[in-house]
Protein backbone atom coordinates (compact mmCIF):
# COMPACT_ATOMS: atom_id res chain seq x y z
CA UNK A 1 83.63 104.25 135.31
CA UNK A 2 85.89 106.47 137.46
CA UNK A 3 88.37 108.92 135.95
CA UNK A 4 92.19 108.25 137.62
CA UNK A 5 94.78 110.70 137.45
CA UNK A 6 97.95 109.61 137.46
CA UNK A 7 101.86 110.86 137.39
CA UNK A 8 104.88 109.25 136.72
CA UNK A 9 108.00 109.49 139.27
CA UNK A 10 110.81 108.83 136.93
CA UNK A 11 109.83 111.76 133.79
CA UNK A 12 106.63 113.71 135.39
CA UNK A 13 104.18 112.72 132.78
CA UNK A 14 100.92 113.26 134.10
CA UNK A 15 97.49 112.09 132.82
CA UNK A 16 94.19 110.98 133.50
CA UNK A 17 92.98 107.48 132.77
CA UNK A 18 88.85 106.27 132.59
CA UNK A 19 89.35 102.56 134.07
CA UNK A 20 87.01 100.52 135.87
CA UNK A 21 87.18 100.39 139.31
CA UNK A 22 88.04 96.79 139.38
CA UNK A 23 90.92 96.93 137.70
CA UNK A 24 94.80 96.83 138.82
CA UNK A 25 96.25 100.38 139.25
CA UNK A 26 98.32 100.64 136.60
CA UNK A 27 102.72 101.15 137.09
CA UNK A 28 104.43 101.43 134.12
CA UNK A 29 104.46 104.72 132.39
CA UNK A 30 103.13 105.50 128.86
CA UNK A 31 106.01 107.74 128.00
CA UNK A 32 109.40 106.34 129.51
CA UNK A 33 108.23 103.17 130.18
CA UNK A 34 109.59 102.72 133.35
CA UNK A 35 107.63 101.44 136.54
CA UNK A 36 107.49 104.71 138.49
CA UNK A 37 104.14 105.77 137.71
CA UNK A 38 101.67 106.16 140.46
CA UNK A 39 98.33 107.23 141.17
CA UNK A 40 96.88 110.14 142.68
CA UNK A 41 93.88 110.64 145.39
CA UNK A 42 91.11 112.70 143.67
CA UNK A 43 89.01 115.32 145.56
CA UNK A 44 85.81 112.46 144.30
CA UNK A 45 83.42 113.13 141.86
CA UNK A 46 80.01 114.65 141.83
CA UNK A 47 77.02 114.18 139.64
CA UNK A 48 76.53 117.01 137.85
CA UNK A 49 72.98 117.48 136.33
CA UNK A 50 72.95 119.49 133.26
CA UNK A 51 70.00 120.56 130.80
CA UNK A 52 66.41 119.96 131.43
CA UNK A 53 64.86 116.62 132.85
CA UNK A 54 66.01 115.96 136.02
CA UNK A 55 63.46 117.04 138.56
CA UNK A 56 62.00 114.28 140.56
CA UNK A 57 58.46 114.71 138.35
CA UNK A 58 59.88 114.91 134.98
CA UNK A 59 59.94 111.45 134.37
CA UNK A 60 56.52 110.56 135.97
CA UNK A 61 53.84 108.72 134.05
CA UNK A 62 51.30 111.21 132.89
CA UNK A 63 48.51 108.73 134.79
CA UNK A 64 50.52 109.39 137.63
CA UNK A 65 50.39 113.30 137.17
CA UNK A 66 46.69 113.15 136.35
CA UNK A 67 46.48 111.42 139.98
CA UNK A 68 48.51 113.72 141.47
CA UNK A 69 46.90 116.71 140.35
CA UNK A 70 43.69 115.73 140.95
CA UNK A 71 45.10 114.71 145.15
CA UNK A 72 47.22 117.69 145.35
CA UNK A 73 44.09 120.34 146.15
CA UNK A 74 42.35 118.19 148.80
CA UNK A 75 45.52 117.30 150.47
CA UNK A 76 46.85 120.84 150.14
CA UNK A 77 43.36 122.62 151.61
CA UNK A 78 43.34 119.80 154.77
CA UNK A 79 47.09 119.74 155.05
CA UNK A 80 47.57 123.61 154.30
CA UNK A 81 45.01 124.24 157.71
CA UNK A 82 47.04 122.01 159.84
CA UNK A 83 50.67 122.16 158.50
CA UNK A 84 50.06 126.05 158.20
CA UNK A 85 49.21 126.45 162.05
CA UNK A 86 52.19 123.41 163.03
CA UNK A 87 54.83 126.07 160.40
CA UNK A 88 53.76 128.80 162.48
CA UNK A 89 54.68 127.06 165.50
CA UNK A 90 57.85 126.02 164.02
CA UNK A 91 58.38 130.00 163.41
CA UNK A 92 58.03 130.69 167.36
CA UNK A 93 60.49 127.99 168.26
CA UNK A 94 62.56 129.67 165.66
CA UNK A 95 62.83 132.98 167.34
CA UNK A 96 63.24 130.91 170.90
CA UNK A 97 66.22 129.90 168.72
CA UNK A 98 67.58 133.17 168.04
CA UNK A 99 67.28 134.45 171.34
CA UNK A 100 69.29 131.42 172.71
CA UNK A 101 71.91 132.49 169.90
CA UNK A 102 72.00 136.08 171.29
């Protein structure tokens, strides 16, 4: 549920209200009881991950992790050769991009 900012045009009381998206906009000020309350536009909210355990593989099962580690050397050795040369081609393209920027 989002938190909304409200301000009363009658008394100037400002506060935040935690309410569902489906709930109607409040109109009555809790301080002065006038119908002068309006909801402010916010900058939006972002998801903030704090602490450990937010990497994409942190919640994988042990069986998945074992399978992935068994596949990793095979994929990396074959993929790194072909991708490595592709990466240097991209690097030279990046150099061309730098020249066009001059």
